[in-house]
Every structure is written in structure tokens, then in C-alpha cells.
Amino acid sequence: MRIFHHSLPLAAALILGSLHASGCSGDSSATAGGTSGAGTSCEPSGGGPHWLLEGETVTFPVACASGLALAGEAFEVGPLPEGAAYDPVAREVTFSPGLDQAAVYDVEIRVAQTSEVGHVKIGVADSWADPSNVPVVDPSRYPEEYGLPVLFLSPVPEAKEYAPATVIYRGHTYAAEAELRGESSLSYPKRSYTLKFPKDDKFSEPDEAGGFTERRKVVLISTFDDNSYVRQRLAYDLWNRLDPEHIQIKTYSAVLYLDGEYAGLYTVSDHVDGYLMEDHGYSQDGNLYKAVSHDANFALTSASGEKKETLHDGYEKKEGTPEEGEPEAFADLEDLVRFVAESDEATFAAEIGSRIDLRDYEDWWIFVTFIVADDSAGKNSYHYRDPAAGTVFRYAPWDFNASFGQTWQTERDPASERVEYTGANLLFKRLLEEPSIGDPLRARYGEVLRGALADAEIQAIVDGYVERIDASARRDEAKWGEAYRSYQGWSERSDFTTYEEEIAYVKAWISERWQHQDALY
């Protein structure tokens, strides 16, 4: 099999090809020590970066990106890995790596005539599916896979309780802790994890998500329940776009290896906790509540219509004192629920803005109704308040496997359906029924549809994801596709799609949803 990866213009390819195996980008990799002889630079290039699988073959030309014509003998290429050779007559490098050569290689291209050195990156992905594959890769030589960062975790967490773990990422080894994460996802064959890093050695990714640095906790979200691989990222990115003053939750895509073996494509995400609140200028010790069931509906009755035992039914307390189980642990949250459920119209209108960040909670409604996030209109939400500072409640989103046209069991969810979630969330109902709040909120919905939630802009975001993850998504699908289609948790579903088909479905669903909401607002 002969694979050519020289599809970029040579000048552009030089820039990409100059990336070092560390994954760090820089300027043109040609470093001139002079322009001897003709006085013309060569800018030696092999294009790239070139990605292939162990057992495949890549062939790429060697040339001057400047256009200077030099004989093949003018280029010295190497040192080359085993299985690679440079043909000066054809001016080509050919590399056929074996099944034990998964790594990222930095190959030099030297031109003595102009005293220049260029670099080309060749990434060889682990051929996990080959029966003869050598399964364990060397983390120190494998910082990327098809252009995405790779995280190595060992041992594999087996419980929802932190245990010591080693995390290797971009050449750095962290003495971390790890645990299983989730509820329904615990039964997935491809599970989610939470990583906790030392205070003096926080997790850092400088390039992805606009900078994902100094994190004490990081979540590795399984993509097993989303064969588009983009729903979680897109939801958080749209929330972040709605208002830069929101509590921002950053995400990016990465490849995970567990105990040295390929585990698949994951979404790396912020962990909503006191550390994240501190990053946004709030106290780490404030009260943070997580809505874990649909009883977290701001009403006096449960989701099934029965009287609640406590006004904090449906919530867990994640941060703050008194801790859950102690008296008054939920006092400020219960006070908010009571106010939403019992205040008269005039009092609600006059005081709700002194209890919650109205922009947060209004945008929560816009957000979940646009993406049809059924599970996140009540449950799967966080609410933070610092009693010591007397701050209002802030909202932060969580968990969007049920969004953009699918339920949490991956069944299809129509785009042209009016949803307001007023039955599931009494706070939404109160906000919409109050004219001084609801009327401007509906008007702003229309403005947002032509701004942060514009169809063309969302489509461009999805296309950007696909450009980065395409090879990795197909690789993950080869690993987990059959398990996904046969998983018993998907009820009676039989209309399964491929990754490529699901991306097309999501994009079409977004356009249809935009048109439907635009007609309403």
C-alpha cells in the first residue's frame, strides 16, 4: 500500500513539516547558517506532517520550498528510522514501519550548499487491530496520534474512588489519581474517568482549547454513546460562546491509551468543582450543588408529582460547608427552591435577580431548548453560590450525550419540535411567565440565533472538529463500532449510523433546528 500525504502546497507543507516530535510548533524549520554559493535559500522540506499506520507505507518528495532547484544528492536526509530510505534520484523518502515502530519521528533534511536544516514529522500509529501487533507503545516517543494529543493512563481505574495512577502526556509524567466516572456510562465497555493532579504539578495542555493549563482535575469523557464524536464538545463550546462571562467549560479531543494499549478517542473536559470556580474568581470553598435527577426541578413536588421529602431532593452537594449530611447543608439552595415555588408574581419579578445570575439562567433555557438537551434542562446541571461573599447563584452545564438529535439512549430526537421545558423546570416557567423577563428573553433568543447560535457558524465549528478528529474517529469506530451497535442499553434501536453518517445527521439536524427556532423567535 503506497500512501501519499503531500497534498498541501509545498510552502505550507514546510510549516507543518517543521513541527518537532514534541508536538510543539515553531517557525520554518529551515535554520540558515548562511547562504553560501548562489546566495539563494532552499528551505528544505519533506512536507507533512505524514501520518500512517504500522505496516503501511508512506512516500513523500524532498525539495526546496523556496523553489530553488537542487539535485537529489544535495539533500542529506536522516537519520532515518528502520524501514525508511531516501532515494536521491527520485528525491523521495519511503518508509514502511514494522508492527513495533509506533512513534513520532523527527527527520532532518540538510542542505550543505545553503547551510540549512529542515525537519519533517512522520507519525506512525499503533496498529492495534493487527494480530501480530506489538501492543504496548512507548509514551515518550508517542505524544500524538494522527495529529491529536495522546494521554497514557495506568493502572486502569476500576472503582468510583480515587486511587494512585500514572499519567503521561506530551512527555511529562504526572503522579496523579484516577477514578471511574458516571452512572449509566459505568456499564459501557468504553468508560469515562476523572483524573486528579497534584497541587504542585497541575495538568497542562498549552495549545488545545485555547489553552488548557493548570488543571487540578480533568475529565476523560467516553464517546461510546455518541458516534459523531462531537456532541459534548459542541454543547460546551456553544455555551461558552453565548457569553464570555459564563462559567466556561473547555474541552478538546485526545486519544487515550490504558496500560499502554489503545482505548480510543475521548473528549477531555474541565471538571466542575471548587478549583474551576476559583479559576473564575470565586471562592473554592463556596457551595456547589449538582442536579443528579429530574427532581431537581425548583418545585415543591418531584418529577413524578409527589410531595418532596426535602426541597433539595434531586441534588448532591459537591463542595462547601456544612457538608452533605450535616444540618443546613442545603440551606441556601432550599431557600432558592422555596422562593421559586412559592413567591407571588410581584415578589418573584422584584427579587429573582438578587438571588440568581439572571443571564446565566436565561441562557441555560436558550441553550438547552436550542440543542434539545432533555437531560440537562433539570438534572445534569451545577449551581454555585458563595455564602461568605453573599453572591448570587451561578449555573454551569454538564453532560450532553442527549443533545443535537439523540436521546441518552441514542434514539433519534426530532429537530422541528417545540420544547420549552417549563414542565421539567419550574424556574424556566416562572422566568417565561414574568413579562419583564420573558418578553426580553424571547427577543434575545432571536438575536442569539443570528449571533452565537448562527447556523453557518455552528456548521463551521463542526467542520473544524471533523478536520482534526476524522482519522481518529474512524480508528475509534473500528475499535468500538460493533460494541456500540450491539449494546443492550440502546433499547430497541436498529437505525444505526456510521460515524460519517452521524456527522451528516448532526449537521442536518442543526440546520433544521435553527430554522424551527428562527420561525418561533
Protein backbone atom coordinates (compact mmCIF):
# COMPACT_ATOMS: atom_id res chain seq x y z
CA MET A 1 0.00 0.00 0.00
CA ARG A 2 1.53 3.34 -1.07
CA ILE A 3 0.23 6.42 0.73
CA PHE A 4 0.99 9.95 -0.47
CA HIS A 5 0.45 12.74 2.05
CA HIS A 6 1.84 15.65 0.09
CA SER A 7 -1.47 17.35 -0.63
CA LEU A 8 -0.52 20.74 0.81
CA PRO A 9 1.29 23.43 -1.17
CA LEU A 10 4.96 22.99 -0.50
CA ALA A 11 5.42 26.27 1.33
CA ALA A 12 2.52 25.48 3.65
CA ALA A 13 3.72 21.92 3.99
CA LEU A 14 7.09 23.21 5.15
CA ILE A 15 5.48 24.98 8.06
CA LEU A 16 3.59 21.86 9.09
CA GLY A 17 6.54 19.63 8.40
CA SER A 18 8.73 21.70 10.66
CA LEU A 19 6.82 20.61 13.76
CA HIS A 20 9.05 18.60 16.02
CA ALA A 21 8.15 15.26 17.50
CA SER A 22 7.38 17.02 20.77
CA GLY A 23 4.25 18.38 19.12
CA CYS A 24 5.36 21.99 19.62
CA SER A 25 5.01 24.29 16.64
CA GLY A 26 7.51 26.86 15.55
CA ASP A 27 8.65 28.86 12.56
CA SER A 28 10.03 27.42 9.33
CA SER A 29 12.27 24.54 10.27
CA ALA A 30 14.97 25.70 7.89
CA THR A 31 17.62 27.38 10.02
CA ALA A 32 20.01 29.27 7.81
CA GLY A 33 23.59 29.50 8.89
CA GLY A 34 24.37 31.42 5.72
CA THR A 35 23.54 31.42 2.02
CA SER A 36 26.80 30.19 0.61
CA GLY A 37 27.34 29.80 -3.12
CA ALA A 38 24.36 31.12 -5.04
CA GLY A 39 23.10 33.24 -2.15
CA THR A 40 19.64 31.73 -2.54
CA SER A 41 17.85 29.88 0.24
CA CYS A 42 16.41 26.41 -0.25
CA GLU A 43 14.09 25.97 2.72
CA PRO A 44 14.44 22.17 2.62
CA SER A 45 11.12 20.40 3.10
CA GLY A 46 9.54 17.00 3.08
CA GLY A 47 6.02 18.35 3.52
CA GLY A 48 3.86 16.73 6.12
CA PRO A 49 3.29 16.00 8.82
CA HIS A 50 2.80 12.49 7.45
CA TRP A 51 0.63 10.02 9.35
CA LEU A 52 0.36 6.31 8.68
CA LEU A 53 -0.37 3.05 10.42
CA GLU A 54 2.24 0.45 11.30
CA GLY A 55 2.52 -1.86 8.30
CA GLU A 56 1.55 0.84 5.79
CA THR A 57 3.93 2.76 3.53
CA VAL A 58 4.36 6.48 3.12
CA THR A 59 6.29 8.12 0.27
CA PHE A 60 6.97 11.84 0.10
CA PRO A 61 9.19 14.11 -2.02
CA VAL A 62 12.12 16.13 -0.75
CA ALA A 63 12.54 19.58 -2.30
CA CYS A 64 13.26 23.24 -1.71
CA ALA A 65 10.13 25.07 -0.62
CA SER A 66 11.69 28.26 -1.98
CA GLY A 67 11.63 26.82 -5.50
CA LEU A 68 15.40 26.54 -5.76
CA ALA A 69 16.27 23.60 -8.00
CA LEU A 70 18.84 21.27 -6.46
CA ALA A 71 19.95 17.79 -7.40
CA GLY A 72 18.83 14.96 -5.17
CA GLU A 73 22.38 14.46 -3.93
CA ALA A 74 22.29 17.98 -2.45
CA PHE A 75 19.90 16.76 0.24
CA GLU A 76 21.08 14.70 3.17
CA VAL A 77 18.09 13.07 4.89
CA GLY A 78 18.35 11.38 8.26
CA PRO A 79 18.97 9.71 10.46
CA LEU A 80 16.06 7.65 9.19
CA PRO A 81 14.21 5.02 11.23
CA GLU A 82 14.47 1.35 10.35
CA GLY A 83 12.41 0.62 7.26
CA ALA A 84 12.93 4.09 5.77
CA ALA A 85 15.19 5.11 2.88
CA TYR A 86 15.93 8.20 0.83
CA ASP A 87 16.25 7.83 -2.96
CA PRO A 88 18.32 10.81 -4.25
CA VAL A 89 17.45 10.03 -7.88
CA ALA A 90 13.71 10.25 -7.27
CA ARG A 91 14.25 12.72 -4.42
CA GLU A 92 11.78 10.71 -2.32
CA VAL A 93 11.68 9.19 1.14
CA THR A 94 9.87 5.89 1.55
CA PHE A 95 9.04 4.47 4.97
CA SER A 96 7.42 1.12 5.74
CA PRO A 97 7.36 0.78 9.54
CA GLY A 98 7.04 -2.57 11.25
CA LEU A 99 4.47 -3.52 13.88
CA ASP A 100 6.78 -2.44 16.70
CA GLN A 101 7.54 1.08 15.39
CA ALA A 102 4.62 3.17 16.64
CA ALA A 103 6.18 6.57 17.37
CA VAL A 104 6.51 10.14 16.12
CA TYR A 105 9.72 10.65 14.19
CA ASP A 106 11.53 13.91 13.54
CA VAL A 107 13.65 13.57 10.41
CA GLU A 108 16.20 16.19 9.40
CA ILE A 109 16.72 17.36 5.82
CA ARG A 110 20.09 19.09 5.46
CA VAL A 111 21.42 21.13 2.53
CA ALA A 112 25.16 21.73 2.85
CA GLN A 113 25.18 24.18 -0.10
CA THR A 114 22.98 26.68 1.76
CA SER A 115 23.76 25.59 5.33
CA GLU A 116 20.09 24.93 6.05
CA VAL A 117 18.31 22.26 8.03
CA GLY A 118 14.63 21.37 7.67
CA HIS A 119 12.51 18.94 9.64
CA VAL A 120 9.71 16.61 8.65
CA LYS A 121 7.42 14.88 11.13
CA ILE A 122 6.32 11.30 10.47
CA GLY A 123 3.74 9.84 12.83
CA VAL A 124 3.30 6.07 12.91
CA ALA A 125 0.11 4.97 14.65
CA ASP A 126 -0.13 1.75 16.63
CA SER A 127 -1.79 -0.99 14.56
CA TRP A 128 -3.82 -2.34 17.47
CA ALA A 129 -6.10 -4.47 15.26
CA ASP A 130 -3.30 -6.48 13.64
CA PRO A 131 -3.00 -9.92 15.31
CA SER A 132 0.79 -9.66 15.10
CA ASN A 133 0.92 -6.15 16.58
CA VAL A 134 3.28 -5.31 19.43
CA PRO A 135 0.58 -3.79 21.65
CA VAL A 136 2.48 -1.57 24.10
CA VAL A 137 3.82 1.73 22.74
CA ASP A 138 6.48 3.93 24.30
CA PRO A 139 4.78 7.06 25.72
CA SER A 140 7.99 9.06 25.49
CA ARG A 141 8.01 8.59 21.71
CA TYR A 142 4.25 8.80 21.11
CA PRO A 143 2.93 12.27 22.07
CA GLU A 144 0.45 12.42 19.18
CA GLU A 145 -1.68 10.18 17.02
CA TYR A 146 -3.00 11.48 13.70
CA GLY A 147 -2.43 15.00 14.98
CA LEU A 148 -4.29 14.62 18.29
CA PRO A 149 -2.53 14.55 21.66
CA VAL A 150 -2.23 11.18 23.37
CA LEU A 151 -2.73 10.57 27.09
CA PHE A 152 -1.42 7.42 28.76
CA LEU A 153 -3.13 6.27 31.97
CA SER A 154 -2.21 3.33 34.19
CA PRO A 155 -3.37 1.38 36.03
CA VAL A 156 -6.92 1.31 34.68
CA PRO A 157 -9.35 2.65 37.34
CA GLU A 158 -11.83 0.05 38.50
CA ALA A 159 -13.96 2.00 41.01
CA LYS A 160 -15.57 5.38 41.65
CA GLU A 161 -12.91 6.12 44.20
CA TYR A 162 -9.59 7.84 43.61
CA ALA A 163 -6.54 5.60 43.52
CA PRO A 164 -2.91 6.38 42.63
CA ALA A 165 -2.26 6.46 38.90
CA THR A 166 0.43 7.46 36.45
CA VAL A 167 -0.48 9.86 33.66
CA ILE A 168 1.98 10.52 30.83
CA TYR A 169 1.15 13.37 28.50
CA ARG A 170 3.34 15.11 25.93
CA GLY A 171 6.42 13.62 27.52
CA HIS A 172 5.58 14.66 31.09
CA THR A 173 4.87 12.07 33.78
CA TYR A 174 2.33 13.00 36.48
CA ALA A 175 1.91 11.18 39.79
CA ALA A 176 -1.87 11.55 39.72
CA GLU A 177 -5.03 9.88 40.99
CA ALA A 178 -7.83 8.44 38.87
CA GLU A 179 -11.33 7.08 39.27
CA LEU A 180 -14.25 5.84 37.18
CA ARG A 181 -16.85 8.47 36.35
CA GLY A 182 -20.55 8.47 35.51
CA GLU A 183 -23.67 6.47 36.26
CA SER A 184 -25.21 4.85 33.17
CA SER A 185 -21.84 5.07 31.43
CA LEU A 186 -20.31 2.74 34.03
CA SER A 187 -21.80 -0.14 32.06
CA TYR A 188 -20.22 0.98 28.78
CA PRO A 189 -17.31 -1.13 27.56
CA LYS A 190 -15.53 2.19 26.93
CA ARG A 191 -15.83 4.09 30.22
CA SER A 192 -15.19 7.63 31.47
CA TYR A 193 -12.58 8.69 34.01
CA THR A 194 -11.71 11.59 36.29
CA LEU A 195 -8.07 12.48 36.85
CA LYS A 196 -6.78 14.42 39.85
CA PHE A 197 -3.37 16.08 39.71
CA PRO A 198 -1.03 17.28 42.47
CA LYS A 199 -1.21 20.90 43.55
CA ASP A 200 2.44 21.40 42.64
CA ASP A 201 2.19 19.57 39.28
CA LYS A 202 -1.07 20.53 37.61
CA PHE A 203 -2.12 19.19 34.23
CA SER A 204 -1.27 21.49 31.35
CA GLU A 205 -2.10 21.47 27.64
CA PRO A 206 -0.94 24.81 26.18
CA ASP A 207 -2.33 24.52 22.66
CA GLU A 208 -5.72 22.81 22.70
CA ALA A 209 -8.97 24.60 23.66
CA GLY A 210 -7.23 27.95 23.58
CA GLY A 211 -5.03 26.82 26.45
CA PHE A 212 -6.00 24.12 28.92
CA THR A 213 -3.47 24.72 31.66
CA GLU A 214 -3.02 24.48 35.43
CA ARG A 215 -5.89 21.99 35.90
CA ARG A 216 -6.21 20.11 39.18
CA LYS A 217 -8.97 17.85 37.86
CA VAL A 218 -9.65 16.68 34.31
CA VAL A 219 -12.46 14.52 32.95
CA LEU A 220 -11.98 11.97 30.16
CA ILE A 221 -15.46 11.65 28.65
CA SER A 222 -16.24 8.44 26.77
CA THR A 223 -17.55 8.94 23.24
CA PHE A 224 -19.11 5.47 23.26
CA ASP A 225 -22.65 6.90 23.30
CA ASP A 226 -22.01 9.41 20.52
CA ASN A 227 -20.71 8.06 17.23
CA SER A 228 -20.44 11.60 15.84
CA TYR A 229 -17.75 12.20 18.49
CA VAL A 230 -18.65 15.93 18.64
CA ARG A 231 -21.82 16.40 20.73
CA GLN A 232 -20.18 17.04 24.10
CA ARG A 233 -17.60 19.43 22.67
CA LEU A 234 -20.14 21.31 20.60
CA ALA A 235 -22.52 21.77 23.52
CA TYR A 236 -19.85 23.25 25.77
CA ASP A 237 -18.44 25.43 23.03
CA LEU A 238 -21.88 26.87 22.30
CA TRP A 239 -22.43 27.55 25.99
CA ASN A 240 -19.07 29.32 26.16
CA ARG A 241 -19.94 31.36 23.06
CA LEU A 242 -23.26 32.55 24.45
CA ASP A 243 -21.48 34.82 26.91
CA PRO A 244 -17.78 35.06 27.79
CA GLU A 245 -18.85 35.85 31.37
CA HIS A 246 -20.39 32.39 31.77
CA ILE A 247 -18.52 29.80 33.78
CA GLN A 248 -16.56 28.46 30.85
CA ILE A 249 -16.01 24.73 30.45
CA LYS A 250 -13.26 23.92 28.00
CA THR A 251 -12.96 20.70 26.04
CA TYR A 252 -10.81 19.15 23.34
CA SER A 253 -10.30 15.78 21.68
CA ALA A 254 -7.50 13.41 22.57
CA VAL A 255 -6.56 9.74 22.26
CA LEU A 256 -6.37 7.57 25.36
CA TYR A 257 -4.14 4.57 25.99
CA LEU A 258 -4.86 2.41 29.06
CA ASP A 259 -1.96 0.37 30.39
CA GLY A 260 -0.19 1.06 27.10
CA GLU A 261 -2.99 -0.23 24.86
CA TYR A 262 -5.27 1.77 22.57
CA ALA A 263 -8.57 2.78 24.23
CA GLY A 264 -9.93 5.22 21.67
CA LEU A 265 -10.95 8.81 21.05
CA TYR A 266 -12.07 10.78 24.12
CA THR A 267 -13.30 14.25 24.97
CA VAL A 268 -11.06 15.93 27.54
CA SER A 269 -13.02 18.35 29.70
CA ASP A 270 -12.84 20.64 32.67
CA HIS A 271 -14.16 19.16 35.89
CA VAL A 272 -16.82 21.34 37.52
CA ASP A 273 -15.61 21.82 41.10
CA GLY A 274 -14.20 24.34 43.53
CA TYR A 275 -10.98 24.55 41.55
CA LEU A 276 -12.89 25.64 38.44
CA MET A 277 -14.85 28.20 40.45
CA GLU A 278 -11.56 29.56 41.80
CA ASP A 279 -10.32 29.88 38.21
CA HIS A 280 -13.35 32.11 37.56
CA GLY A 281 -12.63 34.37 40.51
CA TYR A 282 -14.82 32.70 43.11
CA SER A 283 -14.02 31.01 46.39
CA GLN A 284 -13.01 27.37 46.19
CA ASP A 285 -14.97 26.85 49.40
CA GLY A 286 -18.35 28.04 48.11
CA ASN A 287 -21.41 25.81 47.89
CA LEU A 288 -21.56 23.73 44.71
CA TYR A 289 -24.64 21.62 44.06
CA LYS A 290 -25.12 19.07 41.31
CA ALA A 291 -28.58 18.19 39.98
CA VAL A 292 -28.49 14.41 39.64
CA SER A 293 -32.15 13.61 38.96
CA HIS A 294 -35.21 15.26 37.44
CA ASP A 295 -36.46 16.01 40.97
CA ALA A 296 -34.09 18.99 40.80
CA ASN A 297 -36.93 20.98 39.25
CA PHE A 298 -37.24 24.03 41.55
CA ALA A 299 -40.69 22.84 42.61
CA LEU A 300 -42.32 21.55 45.80
CA THR A 301 -43.20 18.28 44.09
CA SER A 302 -40.99 15.66 42.47
CA ALA A 303 -40.78 14.90 38.77
CA SER A 304 -43.47 12.26 39.32
CA GLY A 305 -45.76 14.79 41.02
CA GLU A 306 -45.35 13.64 44.61
CA LYS A 307 -44.55 15.94 47.51
CA LYS A 308 -40.81 16.12 48.07
CA GLU A 309 -39.27 14.88 51.28
CA THR A 310 -36.84 17.83 51.20
CA LEU A 311 -36.52 20.86 48.95
CA HIS A 312 -33.08 19.66 47.90
CA ASP A 313 -34.37 16.38 46.51
CA GLY A 314 -32.56 15.67 43.26
CA TYR A 315 -29.32 17.39 44.31
CA GLU A 316 -25.97 16.37 45.72
CA LYS A 317 -23.63 18.77 47.46
CA LYS A 318 -20.17 18.61 45.92
CA GLU A 319 -18.37 21.47 47.64
CA GLY A 320 -18.81 23.78 50.61
CA THR A 321 -19.75 23.61 54.28
CA PRO A 322 -21.74 22.35 56.05
CA GLU A 323 -21.11 19.16 54.11
CA GLU A 324 -23.93 16.97 52.82
CA GLY A 325 -25.47 15.02 55.70
CA GLU A 326 -24.97 17.85 58.18
CA PRO A 327 -27.71 20.27 59.31
CA GLU A 328 -28.28 23.25 56.99
CA ALA A 329 -26.03 21.75 54.31
CA PHE A 330 -28.51 22.77 51.58
CA ALA A 331 -29.92 25.86 53.28
CA ASP A 332 -29.27 28.44 50.53
CA LEU A 333 -30.34 26.08 47.75
CA GLU A 334 -33.55 25.19 49.58
CA ASP A 335 -34.23 28.88 50.09
CA LEU A 336 -33.95 29.42 46.33
CA VAL A 337 -36.24 26.47 45.55
CA ARG A 338 -38.80 27.74 48.08
CA PHE A 339 -38.67 31.22 46.59
CA VAL A 340 -39.16 29.97 43.02
CA ALA A 341 -42.00 27.67 44.08
CA GLU A 342 -43.89 29.97 46.49
CA SER A 343 -43.22 33.65 45.74
CA ASP A 344 -46.02 35.70 44.21
CA GLU A 345 -45.56 37.31 40.80
CA ALA A 346 -44.55 40.73 42.07
CA THR A 347 -42.05 39.37 44.57
CA PHE A 348 -40.57 36.99 42.02
CA ALA A 349 -40.09 39.78 39.49
CA ALA A 350 -38.56 42.12 42.07
CA GLU A 351 -36.19 39.68 43.79
CA ILE A 352 -35.16 36.87 41.44
CA GLY A 353 -32.27 38.96 40.08
CA SER A 354 -30.85 39.31 43.60
CA ARG A 355 -30.81 35.53 44.03
CA ILE A 356 -29.50 34.19 40.72
CA ASP A 357 -27.36 35.47 37.90
CA LEU A 358 -30.25 36.10 35.53
CA ARG A 359 -28.08 35.97 32.42
CA ASP A 360 -26.81 32.52 33.37
CA TYR A 361 -30.24 31.06 33.97
CA GLU A 362 -31.85 32.71 30.96
CA ASP A 363 -29.06 31.42 28.73
CA TRP A 364 -29.49 27.99 30.29
CA TRP A 365 -33.02 27.97 28.87
CA ILE A 366 -31.94 29.24 25.44
CA PHE A 367 -29.09 26.75 25.37
CA VAL A 368 -30.98 23.56 26.25
CA THR A 369 -34.03 24.39 24.12
CA PHE A 370 -31.86 25.04 21.09
CA ILE A 371 -29.84 21.82 21.31
CA VAL A 372 -32.80 19.85 22.78
CA ALA A 373 -30.80 18.66 25.77
CA ASP A 374 -33.59 16.75 27.53
CA ASP A 375 -31.42 15.52 30.39
CA SER A 376 -29.81 18.89 31.03
CA ALA A 377 -32.92 21.04 31.42
CA GLY A 378 -33.26 19.97 35.03
CA LYS A 379 -30.72 17.36 36.05
CA ASN A 380 -27.12 17.39 34.83
CA SER A 381 -26.60 20.97 35.97
CA TYR A 382 -24.42 22.67 38.59
CA HIS A 383 -25.36 25.59 40.82
CA TYR A 384 -22.74 27.55 42.74
CA ARG A 385 -23.00 30.20 45.43
CA ASP A 386 -20.53 31.60 47.95
CA PRO A 387 -22.47 32.36 51.15
CA ALA A 388 -19.49 34.10 52.73
CA ALA A 389 -19.39 36.65 49.91
CA GLY A 390 -23.16 36.82 49.57
CA THR A 391 -23.00 36.11 45.86
CA VAL A 392 -25.93 35.07 43.67
CA PHE A 393 -26.24 31.57 42.26
CA ARG A 394 -24.30 30.79 39.10
CA TYR A 395 -25.13 28.00 36.68
CA ALA A 396 -22.73 25.61 34.94
CA PRO A 397 -23.76 22.92 32.42
CA TRP A 398 -22.91 19.24 32.36
CA ASP A 399 -23.37 16.08 30.27
CA PHE A 400 -24.70 16.33 26.74
CA ASN A 401 -24.85 12.83 25.30
CA ALA A 402 -28.57 13.62 24.99
CA SER A 403 -28.48 16.55 22.58
CA PHE A 404 -28.37 17.52 18.91
CA GLY A 405 -30.95 14.98 17.82
CA GLN A 406 -30.40 12.00 20.08
CA THR A 407 -31.63 10.84 23.48
CA TRP A 408 -29.34 9.49 26.17
CA GLN A 409 -30.09 6.03 24.72
CA THR A 410 -29.01 7.33 21.26
CA GLU A 411 -32.53 7.20 19.81
CA ARG A 412 -33.40 9.89 17.27
CA ASP A 413 -34.89 13.14 18.59
CA PRO A 414 -36.76 15.40 16.10
CA ALA A 415 -35.47 18.89 15.32
CA SER A 416 -38.79 20.52 14.42
CA GLU A 417 -40.45 20.20 17.80
CA ARG A 418 -41.23 22.98 20.23
CA VAL A 419 -39.68 22.36 23.64
CA GLU A 420 -39.57 24.88 26.49
CA TYR A 421 -39.03 22.50 29.43
CA THR A 422 -41.43 24.51 31.60
CA GLY A 423 -42.88 21.26 32.94
CA ALA A 424 -39.47 19.90 33.85
CA ASN A 425 -38.11 23.13 35.34
CA LEU A 426 -40.35 25.50 37.31
CA LEU A 427 -37.69 28.21 37.21
CA PHE A 428 -37.95 28.31 33.41
CA LYS A 429 -41.73 28.58 33.70
CA ARG A 430 -41.52 31.47 36.15
CA LEU A 431 -38.97 33.34 34.05
CA LEU A 432 -41.02 33.00 30.87
CA GLU A 433 -44.30 33.93 32.53
CA GLU A 434 -42.92 37.16 34.01
CA PRO A 435 -43.35 39.77 31.22
CA SER A 436 -40.44 41.92 32.36
CA ILE A 437 -38.14 38.90 32.00
CA GLY A 438 -39.83 36.57 29.50
CA ASP A 439 -40.52 39.10 26.74
CA PRO A 440 -36.92 40.40 26.51
CA LEU A 441 -35.66 36.82 26.84
CA ARG A 442 -37.64 35.66 23.80
CA ALA A 443 -36.49 38.69 21.85
CA ARG A 444 -32.86 37.96 22.74
CA TYR A 445 -33.32 34.36 21.57
CA GLY A 446 -33.86 35.71 18.06
CA GLU A 447 -30.73 37.85 18.34
CA VAL A 448 -28.67 34.90 19.54
CA LEU A 449 -29.79 32.84 16.54
CA ARG A 450 -28.04 35.38 14.35
CA GLY A 451 -25.01 35.57 16.60
CA ALA A 452 -23.52 32.85 18.79
CA LEU A 453 -26.02 30.25 17.54
CA ALA A 454 -25.99 31.16 13.85
CA ASP A 455 -26.33 28.05 11.71
CA ALA A 456 -23.36 28.84 9.46
CA GLU A 457 -21.10 29.43 12.45
CA ILE A 458 -22.11 26.18 14.14
CA GLN A 459 -21.58 24.27 10.91
CA ALA A 460 -18.10 25.75 10.67
CA ILE A 461 -17.34 24.65 14.23
CA VAL A 462 -18.42 21.09 13.43
CA ASP A 463 -16.33 21.10 10.25
CA GLY A 464 -13.35 22.24 12.30
CA TYR A 465 -13.80 19.33 14.70
CA VAL A 466 -14.05 16.85 11.84
CA GLU A 467 -10.90 18.17 10.22
CA ARG A 468 -8.99 17.40 13.41
CA ILE A 469 -10.61 14.14 14.53
CA ASP A 470 -11.56 12.39 11.30
CA ALA A 471 -8.77 9.81 11.20
CA SER A 472 -9.03 9.17 14.95
CA ALA A 473 -12.83 8.90 14.84
CA ARG A 474 -12.65 6.26 12.11
CA ARG A 475 -10.00 4.44 14.10
CA ASP A 476 -12.18 4.52 17.21
CA GLU A 477 -15.16 3.30 15.19
CA ALA A 478 -13.12 0.30 14.07
CA LYS A 479 -12.40 -0.44 17.74
CA TRP A 480 -15.82 0.14 19.27
CA GLY A 481 -18.34 0.20 16.41
CA GLU A 482 -19.64 -3.32 16.83
CA ALA A 483 -19.91 -2.95 20.62
CA TYR A 484 -21.84 0.29 20.07
CA ARG A 485 -24.33 -1.33 17.70
CA SER A 486 -24.87 -4.38 19.91
CA TYR A 487 -25.03 -2.57 23.27
CA GLN A 488 -28.18 -3.60 25.15
CA GLY A 489 -28.65 -0.18 26.73
CA TRP A 490 -29.83 1.29 23.42
CA SER A 491 -33.29 -0.24 23.86
CA GLU A 492 -34.94 -1.28 20.59
CA ARG A 493 -32.91 0.90 18.27
CA SER A 494 -31.99 -0.57 14.89
CA ASP A 495 -31.34 2.55 12.76
CA PHE A 496 -27.63 2.76 13.49
CA THR A 497 -25.36 5.05 11.51
CA THR A 498 -21.68 5.11 10.74
CA TYR A 499 -19.51 7.94 12.07
CA GLU A 500 -19.64 9.63 8.69
CA GLU A 501 -23.42 9.30 8.53
CA GLU A 502 -23.84 10.57 12.08
CA ILE A 503 -21.83 13.71 11.34
CA ALA A 504 -24.11 14.35 8.37
CA TYR A 505 -27.14 13.72 10.61
CA VAL A 506 -25.94 16.16 13.27
CA LYS A 507 -25.21 18.88 10.72
CA ALA A 508 -28.60 18.46 9.05
CA TRP A 509 -30.35 18.38 12.44
CA ILE A 510 -28.68 21.65 13.48
CA SER A 511 -29.84 23.40 10.31
CA GLU A 512 -33.39 22.13 10.71
CA ARG A 513 -33.39 23.09 14.39
CA TRP A 514 -32.12 26.57 13.59
CA GLN A 515 -34.88 27.11 11.05
CA HIS A 516 -37.51 25.87 13.50
CA GLN A 517 -36.33 28.12 16.34
CA ASP A 518 -35.89 31.08 13.99
CA ALA A 519 -39.55 30.76 13.00
CA LEU A 520 -40.52 30.88 16.68
CA TYR A 521 -38.27 33.70 17.86
